[in-house]
């Protein structure tokens, strides 16, 4: 399972404190363990709300997420468990930094680019069309 980690705000600072109970059920994306290494996880997502929520409530974290030197370290995914369930070897990739946000997430089978550039606020920027919440779901 995966869910976006909402930031926490304290005075004028924010952090990514991990509190699973704070993440609403409908934020979670679940796929069967056997499909975890699929090239296209979108075809394996559990779409049925009742099934997904059941999985969310029955799943227990197997590790933890920590922050070391301002880097989020995800130890919640046990590589041995994933390899056993998928019957595939987990292959590490090289993480390359980029200051071009359009290159983030790209790289191929051997590497992936991570955006490390500066995010600048642009005044008066809006999406082309604001969508109603029902359109997004």
Foldseek 3Di string as FASTA:
>chain_A
DDFDQDWDDDPPDIDRDDDPVVGDLVRDWDFDLLCPPPPDCVVRTPPDSVVSSVCSVPDDFPDDWDADPNRIDDPSDDQVSSCVSNVDHDDDAAEAEDCDPVQAQDDPDHYGYHHDHDDDDDPPDDPPDDDDPVVVD
